[in-house]
Full PDB file with SEQRES, HELIX, SHEET, SSBOND, CRYST1, ORIGX, SCALE, CONECT and MASTER records, all heavy atoms in Angstrom:
SEQRES   1 A   43  LEU VAL GLU SER GLY GLY GLY LEU VAL GLN ALA GLY GLY          
SEQRES   2 A   43  SER LEU ARG LEU SER CYS VAL VAL SER GLY SER ILE VAL          
SEQRES   3 A   43  SER GLY SER THR MET ALA TRP TYR ARG GLN ALA PRO GLY          
SEQRES   4 A   43  LYS GLN ARG GLU                                              
HELIX    1 AA1 VAL A   26  GLY A   28  5                                   3    
SHEET    1 AA1 2 VAL A   2  SER A   4  0                                        
SHEET    2 AA1 2 SER A  18  VAL A  20 -1                                        
CRYST1    1.000    1.000    1.000  90.00  90.00  90.00 P 1           1          
ORIGX1      1.000000  0.000000  0.000000        0.00000                         
ORIGX2      0.000000  1.000000  0.000000        0.00000                         
ORIGX3      0.000000  0.000000  1.000000        0.00000                         
SCALE1      1.000000  0.000000  0.000000        0.00000                         
SCALE2      0.000000  1.000000  0.000000        0.00000                         
SCALE3      0.000000  0.000000  1.000000        0.00000                         
ATOM      1  N   LEU A   1     100.362  83.513 116.052  1.00  0.00           N  
ATOM      2  CA  LEU A   1     101.694  84.107 115.891  1.00  0.00           C  
ATOM      3  C   LEU A   1     102.487  83.822 117.166  1.00  0.00           C  
ATOM      4  O   LEU A   1     101.986  84.062 118.276  1.00  0.00           O  
ATOM      5  CB  LEU A   1     101.606  85.613 115.667  1.00  0.00           C  
ATOM      6  CG  LEU A   1     100.796  86.095 114.456  1.00  0.00           C  
ATOM      7  CD1 LEU A   1      99.340  86.346 114.832  1.00  0.00           C  
ATOM      8  CD2 LEU A   1     101.396  87.368 113.877  1.00  0.00           C  
ATOM      9  N   VAL A   2     103.701  83.330 116.998  1.00  0.00           N  
ATOM     10  CA  VAL A   2     104.543  83.000 118.143  1.00  0.00           C  
ATOM     11  C   VAL A   2     105.884  83.697 117.978  1.00  0.00           C  
ATOM     12  O   VAL A   2     106.644  83.390 117.049  1.00  0.00           O  
ATOM     13  CB  VAL A   2     104.738  81.479 118.277  1.00  0.00           C  
ATOM     14  CG1 VAL A   2     105.634  81.180 119.468  1.00  0.00           C  
ATOM     15  CG2 VAL A   2     103.391  80.780 118.430  1.00  0.00           C  
ATOM     16  N   GLU A   3     106.163  84.638 118.886  1.00  0.00           N  
ATOM     17  CA  GLU A   3     107.415  85.384 118.840  1.00  0.00           C  
ATOM     18  C   GLU A   3     108.496  84.691 119.676  1.00  0.00           C  
ATOM     19  O   GLU A   3     108.187  83.990 120.646  1.00  0.00           O  
ATOM     20  CB  GLU A   3     107.249  86.816 119.371  1.00  0.00           C  
ATOM     21  CG  GLU A   3     106.207  87.661 118.678  1.00  0.00           C  
ATOM     22  CD  GLU A   3     104.930  87.767 119.472  1.00  0.00           C  
ATOM     23  OE1 GLU A   3     104.607  86.801 120.200  1.00  0.00           O  
ATOM     24  OE2 GLU A   3     104.243  88.794 119.366  1.00  0.00           O  
ATOM     25  N   SER A   4     109.729  84.943 119.299  1.00  0.00           N  
ATOM     26  CA  SER A   4     110.870  84.492 120.084  1.00  0.00           C  
ATOM     27  C   SER A   4     112.051  85.392 119.758  1.00  0.00           C  
ATOM     28  O   SER A   4     111.998  86.193 118.817  1.00  0.00           O  
ATOM     29  CB  SER A   4     111.212  83.036 119.774  1.00  0.00           C  
ATOM     30  OG  SER A   4     111.570  82.884 118.412  1.00  0.00           O  
ATOM     31  N   GLY A   5     113.105  85.265 120.568  1.00  0.00           N  
ATOM     32  CA  GLY A   5     114.333  85.992 120.283  1.00  0.00           C  
ATOM     33  C   GLY A   5     114.613  87.167 121.190  1.00  0.00           C  
ATOM     34  O   GLY A   5     115.674  87.789 121.090  1.00  0.00           O  
ATOM     35  N   GLY A   6     113.690  87.485 122.070  1.00  0.00           N  
ATOM     36  CA  GLY A   6     113.939  88.587 122.993  1.00  0.00           C  
ATOM     37  C   GLY A   6     114.971  88.206 124.040  1.00  0.00           C  
ATOM     38  O   GLY A   6     115.397  87.057 124.135  1.00  0.00           O  
ATOM     39  N   GLY A   7     115.370  89.193 124.829  1.00  0.00           N  
ATOM     40  CA  GLY A   7     116.340  88.929 125.887  1.00  0.00           C  
ATOM     41  C   GLY A   7     116.960  90.199 126.404  1.00  0.00           C  
ATOM     42  O   GLY A   7     116.474  91.306 126.139  1.00  0.00           O  
ATOM     43  N   LEU A   8     118.037  90.028 127.143  1.00  0.00           N  
ATOM     44  CA  LEU A   8     118.777  91.142 127.722  1.00  0.00           C  
ATOM     45  C   LEU A   8     120.039  91.366 126.902  1.00  0.00           C  
ATOM     46  O   LEU A   8     120.784  90.416 126.639  1.00  0.00           O  
ATOM     47  CB  LEU A   8     119.136  90.819 129.171  1.00  0.00           C  
ATOM     48  CG  LEU A   8     120.044  91.812 129.900  1.00  0.00           C  
ATOM     49  CD1 LEU A   8     119.361  93.165 130.034  1.00  0.00           C  
ATOM     50  CD2 LEU A   8     120.425  91.259 131.269  1.00  0.00           C  
ATOM     51  N   VAL A   9     120.268  92.611 126.503  1.00  0.00           N  
ATOM     52  CA  VAL A   9     121.434  92.931 125.691  1.00  0.00           C  
ATOM     53  C   VAL A   9     121.977  94.289 126.127  1.00  0.00           C  
ATOM     54  O   VAL A   9     121.221  95.141 126.613  1.00  0.00           O  
ATOM     55  CB  VAL A   9     121.062  92.934 124.188  1.00  0.00           C  
ATOM     56  CG1 VAL A   9     120.047  94.019 123.873  1.00  0.00           C  
ATOM     57  CG2 VAL A   9     122.285  93.055 123.302  1.00  0.00           C  
ATOM     58  N   GLN A  10     123.264  94.480 125.971  1.00  0.00           N  
ATOM     59  CA  GLN A  10     123.855  95.781 126.298  1.00  0.00           C  
ATOM     60  C   GLN A  10     123.593  96.780 125.186  1.00  0.00           C  
ATOM     61  O   GLN A  10     123.414  96.408 124.019  1.00  0.00           O  
ATOM     62  CB  GLN A  10     125.360  95.629 126.515  1.00  0.00           C  
ATOM     63  CG  GLN A  10     125.724  94.916 127.805  1.00  0.00           C  
ATOM     64  CD  GLN A  10     127.222  94.968 128.084  1.00  0.00           C  
ATOM     65  OE1 GLN A  10     128.019  95.035 127.153  1.00  0.00           O  
ATOM     66  NE2 GLN A  10     127.594  94.923 129.353  1.00  0.00           N  
ATOM     67  N   ALA A  11     123.610  98.041 125.544  1.00  0.00           N  
ATOM     68  CA  ALA A  11     123.445  99.099 124.554  1.00  0.00           C  
ATOM     69  C   ALA A  11     124.499  98.943 123.460  1.00  0.00           C  
ATOM     70  O   ALA A  11     125.662  98.643 123.740  1.00  0.00           O  
ATOM     71  CB  ALA A  11     123.568 100.467 125.217  1.00  0.00           C  
ATOM     72  N   GLY A  12     124.058  99.124 122.225  1.00  0.00           N  
ATOM     73  CA  GLY A  12     124.945  98.936 121.080  1.00  0.00           C  
ATOM     74  C   GLY A  12     124.892  97.545 120.493  1.00  0.00           C  
ATOM     75  O   GLY A  12     125.419  97.314 119.396  1.00  0.00           O  
ATOM     76  N   GLY A  13     124.263  96.626 121.200  1.00  0.00           N  
ATOM     77  CA  GLY A  13     124.183  95.254 120.738  1.00  0.00           C  
ATOM     78  C   GLY A  13     123.049  95.030 119.751  1.00  0.00           C  
ATOM     79  O   GLY A  13     122.348  95.971 119.348  1.00  0.00           O  
ATOM     80  N   SER A  14     122.882  93.763 119.381  1.00  0.00           N  
ATOM     81  CA  SER A  14     121.881  93.385 118.385  1.00  0.00           C  
ATOM     82  C   SER A  14     121.051  92.200 118.868  1.00  0.00           C  
ATOM     83  O   SER A  14     121.523  91.377 119.657  1.00  0.00           O  
ATOM     84  CB  SER A  14     122.557  93.001 117.059  1.00  0.00           C  
ATOM     85  OG  SER A  14     123.282  94.079 116.518  1.00  0.00           O  
ATOM     86  N   LEU A  15     119.839  92.142 118.367  1.00  0.00           N  
ATOM     87  CA  LEU A  15     118.963  90.992 118.576  1.00  0.00           C  
ATOM     88  C   LEU A  15     118.150  90.786 117.301  1.00  0.00           C  
ATOM     89  O   LEU A  15     117.886  91.746 116.574  1.00  0.00           O  
ATOM     90  CB  LEU A  15     117.990  91.226 119.741  1.00  0.00           C  
ATOM     91  CG  LEU A  15     118.498  91.093 121.173  1.00  0.00           C  
ATOM     92  CD1 LEU A  15     117.394  91.505 122.141  1.00  0.00           C  
ATOM     93  CD2 LEU A  15     118.961  89.676 121.466  1.00  0.00           C  
ATOM     94  N   ARG A  16     117.745  89.558 117.067  1.00  0.00           N  
ATOM     95  CA  ARG A  16     116.815  89.279 115.976  1.00  0.00           C  
ATOM     96  C   ARG A  16     115.596  88.575 116.547  1.00  0.00           C  
ATOM     97  O   ARG A  16     115.712  87.486 117.126  1.00  0.00           O  
ATOM     98  CB  ARG A  16     117.447  88.410 114.885  1.00  0.00           C  
ATOM     99  CG  ARG A  16     116.543  88.297 113.661  1.00  0.00           C  
ATOM    100  CD  ARG A  16     117.168  87.506 112.537  1.00  0.00           C  
ATOM    101  NE  ARG A  16     117.076  86.066 112.744  1.00  0.00           N  
ATOM    102  CZ  ARG A  16     117.115  85.170 111.769  1.00  0.00           C  
ATOM    103  NH1 ARG A  16     117.233  85.571 110.508  1.00  0.00           N  
ATOM    104  NH2 ARG A  16     117.060  83.880 112.041  1.00  0.00           N  
ATOM    105  N   LEU A  17     114.459  89.204 116.372  1.00  0.00           N  
ATOM    106  CA  LEU A  17     113.201  88.620 116.801  1.00  0.00           C  
ATOM    107  C   LEU A  17     112.596  87.822 115.649  1.00  0.00           C  
ATOM    108  O   LEU A  17     112.708  88.226 114.486  1.00  0.00           O  
ATOM    109  CB  LEU A  17     112.219  89.707 117.242  1.00  0.00           C  
ATOM    110  CG  LEU A  17     112.708  90.681 118.314  1.00  0.00           C  
ATOM    111  CD1 LEU A  17     111.587  91.646 118.684  1.00  0.00           C  
ATOM    112  CD2 LEU A  17     113.233  89.957 119.522  1.00  0.00           C  
ATOM    113  N   SER A  18     111.964  86.720 115.998  1.00  0.00           N  
ATOM    114  CA  SER A  18     111.284  85.891 115.010  1.00  0.00           C  
ATOM    115  C   SER A  18     109.812  85.763 115.357  1.00  0.00           C  
ATOM    116  O   SER A  18     109.439  85.783 116.539  1.00  0.00           O  
ATOM    117  CB  SER A  18     111.900  84.487 114.970  1.00  0.00           C  
ATOM    118  OG  SER A  18     113.268  84.522 114.632  1.00  0.00           O  
ATOM    119  N   CYS A  19     108.996  85.621 114.339  1.00  0.00           N  
ATOM    120  CA  CYS A  19     107.557  85.449 114.530  1.00  0.00           C  
ATOM    121  C   CYS A  19     107.097  84.367 113.556  1.00  0.00           C  
ATOM    122  O   CYS A  19     107.046  84.606 112.343  1.00  0.00           O  
ATOM    123  CB  CYS A  19     106.833  86.754 114.262  1.00  0.00           C  
ATOM    124  SG  CYS A  19     105.025  86.633 114.269  1.00  0.00           S  
ATOM    125  N   VAL A  20     106.804  83.202 114.098  1.00  0.00           N  
ATOM    126  CA  VAL A  20     106.314  82.103 113.277  1.00  0.00           C  
ATOM    127  C   VAL A  20     104.794  82.203 113.193  1.00  0.00           C  
ATOM    128  O   VAL A  20     104.114  82.294 114.219  1.00  0.00           O  
ATOM    129  CB  VAL A  20     106.730  80.745 113.863  1.00  0.00           C  
ATOM    130  CG1 VAL A  20     106.172  79.620 113.014  1.00  0.00           C  
ATOM    131  CG2 VAL A  20     108.253  80.652 113.954  1.00  0.00           C  
ATOM    132  N   VAL A  21     104.293  82.189 111.975  1.00  0.00           N  
ATOM    133  CA  VAL A  21     102.860  82.403 111.735  1.00  0.00           C  
ATOM    134  C   VAL A  21     102.222  81.111 111.241  1.00  0.00           C  
ATOM    135  O   VAL A  21     102.774  80.428 110.372  1.00  0.00           O  
ATOM    136  CB  VAL A  21     102.645  83.521 110.703  1.00  0.00           C  
ATOM    137  CG1 VAL A  21     101.146  83.762 110.484  1.00  0.00           C  
ATOM    138  CG2 VAL A  21     103.327  84.802 111.151  1.00  0.00           C  
ATOM    139  N   SER A  22     101.063  80.790 111.777  1.00  0.00           N  
ATOM    140  CA  SER A  22     100.259  79.684 111.276  1.00  0.00           C  
ATOM    141  C   SER A  22      98.846  80.184 111.025  1.00  0.00           C  
ATOM    142  O   SER A  22      98.391  81.130 111.663  1.00  0.00           O  
ATOM    143  CB  SER A  22     100.255  78.509 112.265  1.00  0.00           C  
ATOM    144  OG  SER A  22      99.745  78.920 113.518  1.00  0.00           O  
ATOM    145  N   GLY A  23      98.172  79.573 110.056  1.00  0.00           N  
ATOM    146  CA  GLY A  23      96.809  79.972 109.732  1.00  0.00           C  
ATOM    147  C   GLY A  23      96.717  81.144 108.783  1.00  0.00           C  
ATOM    148  O   GLY A  23      95.613  81.594 108.459  1.00  0.00           O  
ATOM    149  N   SER A  24      97.855  81.658 108.322  1.00  0.00           N  
ATOM    150  CA  SER A  24      97.871  82.767 107.379  1.00  0.00           C  
ATOM    151  C   SER A  24      99.201  82.730 106.641  1.00  0.00           C  
ATOM    152  O   SER A  24     100.208  82.317 107.201  1.00  0.00           O  
ATOM    153  CB  SER A  24      97.705  84.093 108.109  1.00  0.00           C  
ATOM    154  OG  SER A  24      97.679  85.173 107.196  1.00  0.00           O  
ATOM    155  N   ILE A  25      99.208  83.180 105.406  1.00  0.00           N  
ATOM    156  CA  ILE A  25     100.415  83.174 104.603  1.00  0.00           C  
ATOM    157  C   ILE A  25     101.075  84.548 104.695  1.00  0.00           C  
ATOM    158  O   ILE A  25     100.477  85.558 104.295  1.00  0.00           O  
ATOM    159  CB  ILE A  25     100.100  82.848 103.131  1.00  0.00           C  
ATOM    160  CG1 ILE A  25      99.307  81.549 103.028  1.00  0.00           C  
ATOM    161  CG2 ILE A  25     101.381  82.788 102.314  1.00  0.00           C  
ATOM    162  CD1 ILE A  25     100.033  80.344 103.542  1.00  0.00           C  
ATOM    163  N   VAL A  26     102.306  84.610 105.194  1.00  0.00           N  
ATOM    164  CA  VAL A  26     102.925  85.913 105.422  1.00  0.00           C  
ATOM    165  C   VAL A  26     103.160  86.660 104.111  1.00  0.00           C  
ATOM    166  O   VAL A  26     103.106  87.889 104.069  1.00  0.00           O  
ATOM    167  CB  VAL A  26     104.237  85.792 106.222  1.00  0.00           C  
ATOM    168  CG1 VAL A  26     103.964  85.213 107.606  1.00  0.00           C  
ATOM    169  CG2 VAL A  26     105.279  84.974 105.486  1.00  0.00           C  
ATOM    170  N   SER A  27     103.407  85.922 103.031  1.00  0.00           N  
ATOM    171  CA  SER A  27     103.705  86.609 101.771  1.00  0.00           C  
ATOM    172  C   SER A  27     102.497  87.353 101.231  1.00  0.00           C  
ATOM    173  O   SER A  27     102.638  88.293 100.452  1.00  0.00           O  
ATOM    174  CB  SER A  27     104.199  85.600 100.724  1.00  0.00           C  
ATOM    175  OG  SER A  27     103.184  84.644 100.462  1.00  0.00           O  
ATOM    176  N   GLY A  28     101.306  86.961 101.654  1.00  0.00           N  
ATOM    177  CA  GLY A  28     100.088  87.618 101.184  1.00  0.00           C  
ATOM    178  C   GLY A  28      99.461  88.519 102.219  1.00  0.00           C  
ATOM    179  O   GLY A  28      98.331  88.982 102.041  1.00  0.00           O  
ATOM    180  N   SER A  29     100.185  88.791 103.290  1.00  0.00           N  
ATOM    181  CA  SER A  29      99.640  89.554 104.402  1.00  0.00           C  
ATOM    182  C   SER A  29     100.511  90.761 104.696  1.00  0.00           C  
ATOM    183  O   SER A  29     101.703  90.778 104.378  1.00  0.00           O  
ATOM    184  CB  SER A  29      99.573  88.684 105.667  1.00  0.00           C  
ATOM    185  OG  SER A  29      98.842  87.500 105.451  1.00  0.00           O  
ATOM    186  N   THR A  30      99.915  91.741 105.322  1.00  0.00           N  
ATOM    187  CA  THR A  30     100.689  92.844 105.895  1.00  0.00           C  
ATOM    188  C   THR A  30     101.058  92.439 107.315  1.00  0.00           C  
ATOM    189  O   THR A  30     100.183  92.149 108.133  1.00  0.00           O  
ATOM    190  CB  THR A  30      99.882  94.144 105.894  1.00  0.00           C  
ATOM    191  OG1 THR A  30      99.618  94.536 104.542  1.00  0.00           O  
ATOM    192  CG2 THR A  30     100.658  95.257 106.586  1.00  0.00           C  
ATOM    193  N   MET A  31     102.345  92.389 107.568  1.00  0.00           N  
ATOM    194  CA  MET A  31     102.849  91.987 108.884  1.00  0.00           C  
ATOM    195  C   MET A  31     103.543  93.171 109.539  1.00  0.00           C  
ATOM    196  O   MET A  31     104.077  94.061 108.843  1.00  0.00           O  
ATOM    197  CB  MET A  31     103.832  90.822 108.739  1.00  0.00           C  
ATOM    198  CG  MET A  31     103.251  89.589 108.072  1.00  0.00           C  
ATOM    199  SD  MET A  31     101.875  88.849 108.969  1.00  0.00           S  
ATOM    200  CE  MET A  31     102.636  88.475 110.558  1.00  0.00           C  
ATOM    201  N   ALA A  32     103.550  93.182 110.850  1.00  0.00           N  
ATOM    202  CA  ALA A  32     104.134  94.321 111.554  1.00  0.00           C  
ATOM    203  C   ALA A  32     104.710  93.888 112.894  1.00  0.00           C  
ATOM    204  O   ALA A  32     104.347  92.843 113.437  1.00  0.00           O  
ATOM    205  CB  ALA A  32     103.078  95.402 111.778  1.00  0.00           C  
ATOM    206  N   TRP A  33     105.630  94.699 113.380  1.00  0.00           N  
ATOM    207  CA  TRP A  33     106.132  94.599 114.735  1.00  0.00           C  
ATOM    208  C   TRP A  33     105.735  95.872 115.485  1.00  0.00           C  
ATOM    209  O   TRP A  33     105.923  96.981 114.960  1.00  0.00           O  
ATOM    210  CB  TRP A  33     107.647  94.448 114.758  1.00  0.00           C  
ATOM    211  CG  TRP A  33     108.122  93.104 114.340  1.00  0.00           C  
ATOM    212  CD1 TRP A  33     108.530  92.713 113.098  1.00  0.00           C  
ATOM    213  CD2 TRP A  33     108.263  91.945 115.181  1.00  0.00           C  
ATOM    214  NE1 TRP A  33     108.900  91.391 113.113  1.00  0.00           N  
ATOM    215  CE2 TRP A  33     108.764  90.896 114.381  1.00  0.00           C  
ATOM    216  CE3 TRP A  33     108.032  91.687 116.535  1.00  0.00           C  
ATOM    217  CZ2 TRP A  33     109.008  89.618 114.874  1.00  0.00           C  
ATOM    218  CZ3 TRP A  33     108.280  90.429 117.029  1.00  0.00           C  
ATOM    219  CH2 TRP A  33     108.767  89.403 116.210  1.00  0.00           C  
ATOM    220  N   TYR A  34     105.199  95.668 116.676  1.00  0.00           N  
ATOM    221  CA  TYR A  34     104.862  96.757 117.579  1.00  0.00           C  
ATOM    222  C   TYR A  34     105.673  96.572 118.859  1.00  0.00           C  
ATOM    223  O   TYR A  34     106.206  95.487 119.123  1.00  0.00           O  
ATOM    224  CB  TYR A  34     103.376  96.731 117.946  1.00  0.00           C  
ATOM    225  CG  TYR A  34     102.430  97.167 116.857  1.00  0.00           C  
ATOM    226  CD1 TYR A  34     102.140  96.346 115.781  1.00  0.00           C  
ATOM    227  CD2 TYR A  34     101.792  98.406 116.929  1.00  0.00           C  
ATOM    228  CE1 TYR A  34     101.250  96.746 114.779  1.00  0.00           C  
ATOM    229  CE2 TYR A  34     100.895  98.814 115.943  1.00  0.00           C  
ATOM    230  CZ  TYR A  34     100.627  97.974 114.885  1.00  0.00           C  
ATOM    231  OH  TYR A  34      99.736  98.377 113.913  1.00  0.00           O  
ATOM    232  N   ARG A  35     105.715  97.600 119.668  1.00  0.00           N  
ATOM    233  CA  ARG A  35     106.334  97.467 120.990  1.00  0.00           C  
ATOM    234  C   ARG A  35     105.565  98.310 121.999  1.00  0.00           C  
ATOM    235  O   ARG A  35     104.927  99.296 121.637  1.00  0.00           O  
ATOM    236  CB  ARG A  35     107.805  97.857 120.964  1.00  0.00           C  
ATOM    237  CG  ARG A  35     108.066  99.343 120.728  1.00  0.00           C  
ATOM    238  CD  ARG A  35     109.568  99.590 120.606  1.00  0.00           C  
ATOM    239  NE  ARG A  35     109.866 101.003 120.378  1.00  0.00           N  
ATOM    240  CZ  ARG A  35     111.080 101.460 120.102  1.00  0.00           C  
ATOM    241  NH1 ARG A  35     112.130 100.620 120.027  1.00  0.00           N  
ATOM    242  NH2 ARG A  35     111.280 102.755 119.914  1.00  0.00           N  
ATOM    243  N   GLN A  36     105.673  97.878 123.245  1.00  0.00           N  
ATOM    244  CA  GLN A  36     105.027  98.616 124.318  1.00  0.00           C  
ATOM    245  C   GLN A  36     105.961  98.655 125.519  1.00  0.00           C  
ATOM    246  O   GLN A  36     106.297  97.606 126.081  1.00  0.00           O  
ATOM    247  CB  GLN A  36     103.698  97.987 124.700  1.00  0.00           C  
ATOM    248  CG  GLN A  36     102.899  98.802 125.702  1.00  0.00           C  
ATOM    249  CD  GLN A  36     101.464  98.340 125.812  1.00  0.00           C  
ATOM    250  OE1 GLN A  36     101.097  97.232 125.431  1.00  0.00           O  
ATOM    251  NE2 GLN A  36     100.604  99.227 126.329  1.00  0.00           N  
ATOM    252  N   ALA A  37     106.369  99.857 125.866  1.00  0.00           N  
ATOM    253  CA  ALA A  37     107.216 100.060 127.035  1.00  0.00           C  
ATOM    254  C   ALA A  37     106.326 100.305 128.252  1.00  0.00           C  
ATOM    255  O   ALA A  37     105.166 100.714 128.105  1.00  0.00           O  
ATOM    256  CB  ALA A  37     108.142 101.255 126.805  1.00  0.00           C  
ATOM    257  N   PRO A  38     106.830 100.071 129.442  1.00  0.00           N  
ATOM    258  CA  PRO A  38     106.016 100.271 130.653  1.00  0.00           C  
ATOM    259  C   PRO A  38     105.465 101.688 130.721  1.00  0.00           C  
ATOM    260  O   PRO A  38     106.197 102.665 130.540  1.00  0.00           O  
ATOM    261  CB  PRO A  38     107.020 100.013 131.782  1.00  0.00           C  
ATOM    262  CG  PRO A  38     108.030  99.106 131.195  1.00  0.00           C  
ATOM    263  CD  PRO A  38     108.167  99.522 129.757  1.00  0.00           C  
ATOM    264  N   GLY A  39     104.154 101.781 130.954  1.00  0.00           N  
ATOM    265  CA  GLY A  39     103.519 103.076 131.091  1.00  0.00           C  
ATOM    266  C   GLY A  39     103.278 103.820 129.795  1.00  0.00           C  
ATOM    267  O   GLY A  39     102.835 104.972 129.809  1.00  0.00           O  
ATOM    268  N   LYS A  40     103.585 103.169 128.668  1.00  0.00           N  
ATOM    269  CA  LYS A  40     103.403 103.836 127.380  1.00  0.00           C  
ATOM    270  C   LYS A  40     102.438 103.043 126.506  1.00  0.00           C  
ATOM    271  O   LYS A  40     102.181 101.867 126.737  1.00  0.00           O  
ATOM    272  CB  LYS A  40     104.752 103.983 126.666  1.00  0.00           C  
ATOM    273  CG  LYS A  40     105.721 104.896 127.369  1.00  0.00           C  
ATOM    274  CD  LYS A  40     106.939 105.153 126.516  1.00  0.00           C  
ATOM    275  CE  LYS A  40     107.881 106.141 127.184  1.00  0.00           C  
ATOM    276  NZ  LYS A  40     109.081 106.417 126.343  1.00  0.00           N  
ATOM    277  N   GLN A  41     101.929 103.725 125.478  1.00  0.00           N  
ATOM    278  CA  GLN A  41     101.034 103.055 124.537  1.00  0.00           C  
ATOM    279  C   GLN A  41     101.826 102.175 123.587  1.00  0.00           C  
ATOM    280  O   GLN A  41     103.017 102.406 123.328  1.00  0.00           O  
ATOM    281  CB  GLN A  41     100.253 104.108 123.743  1.00  0.00           C  
ATOM    282  CG  GLN A  41      99.183 104.814 124.547  1.00  0.00           C  
ATOM    283  CD  GLN A  41      98.273 105.673 123.681  1.00  0.00           C  
ATOM    284  OE1 GLN A  41      98.700 106.188 122.650  1.00  0.00           O  
ATOM    285  NE2 GLN A  41      97.026 105.831 124.080  1.00  0.00           N  
ATOM    286  N   ARG A  42     101.156 101.176 123.066  1.00  0.00           N  
ATOM    287  CA  ARG A  42     101.783 100.325 122.069  1.00  0.00           C  
ATOM    288  C   ARG A  42     102.027 101.157 120.811  1.00  0.00           C  
ATOM    289  O   ARG A  42     101.156 101.918 120.379  1.00  0.00           O  
ATOM    290  CB  ARG A  42     100.874  99.137 121.754  1.00  0.00           C  
ATOM    291  CG  ARG A  42     101.524  98.040 120.943  1.00  0.00           C  
ATOM    292  CD  ARG A  42     100.634  96.819 120.857  1.00  0.00           C  
ATOM    293  NE  ARG A  42     100.423  96.206 122.172  1.00  0.00           N  
ATOM    294  CZ  ARG A  42      99.818  95.025 122.348  1.00  0.00           C  
ATOM    295  NH1 ARG A  42      99.373  94.342 121.299  1.00  0.00           N  
ATOM    296  NH2 ARG A  42      99.653  94.547 123.558  1.00  0.00           N  
ATOM    297  N   GLU A  43     103.210 101.008 120.226  1.00  0.00           N  
ATOM    298  CA  GLU A  43     103.554 101.785 119.040  1.00  0.00           C  
ATOM    299  C   GLU A  43     104.063 100.891 117.928  1.00  0.00           C  
ATOM    300  O   GLU A  43     104.678  99.851 118.168  1.00  0.00           O  
ATOM    301  CB  GLU A  43     104.616 102.845 119.371  1.00  0.00           C  
ATOM    302  CG  GLU A  43     105.951 102.287 119.819  1.00  0.00           C  
ATOM    303  CD  GLU A  43     107.030 103.349 119.962  1.00  0.00           C  
ATOM    304  OE1 GLU A  43     106.803 104.515 119.583  1.00  0.00           O  
ATOM    305  OE2 GLU A  43     108.122 103.010 120.462  1.00  0.00           O  
TER     306      GLU A  43                                                      
MASTER        0    0    0    1    2    0    0    6  305    1    0    4          
END                                                                             
């Protein structure tokens, strides 16, 4: 899985993250996005 699309944005703005998958078919899989902030658990 290869993510892209992150960056620096002002509050109120928008971003679109992408995740290109190889070795598995996304339509037949459960896919998810998680995040981890400094000092916090991944959620």
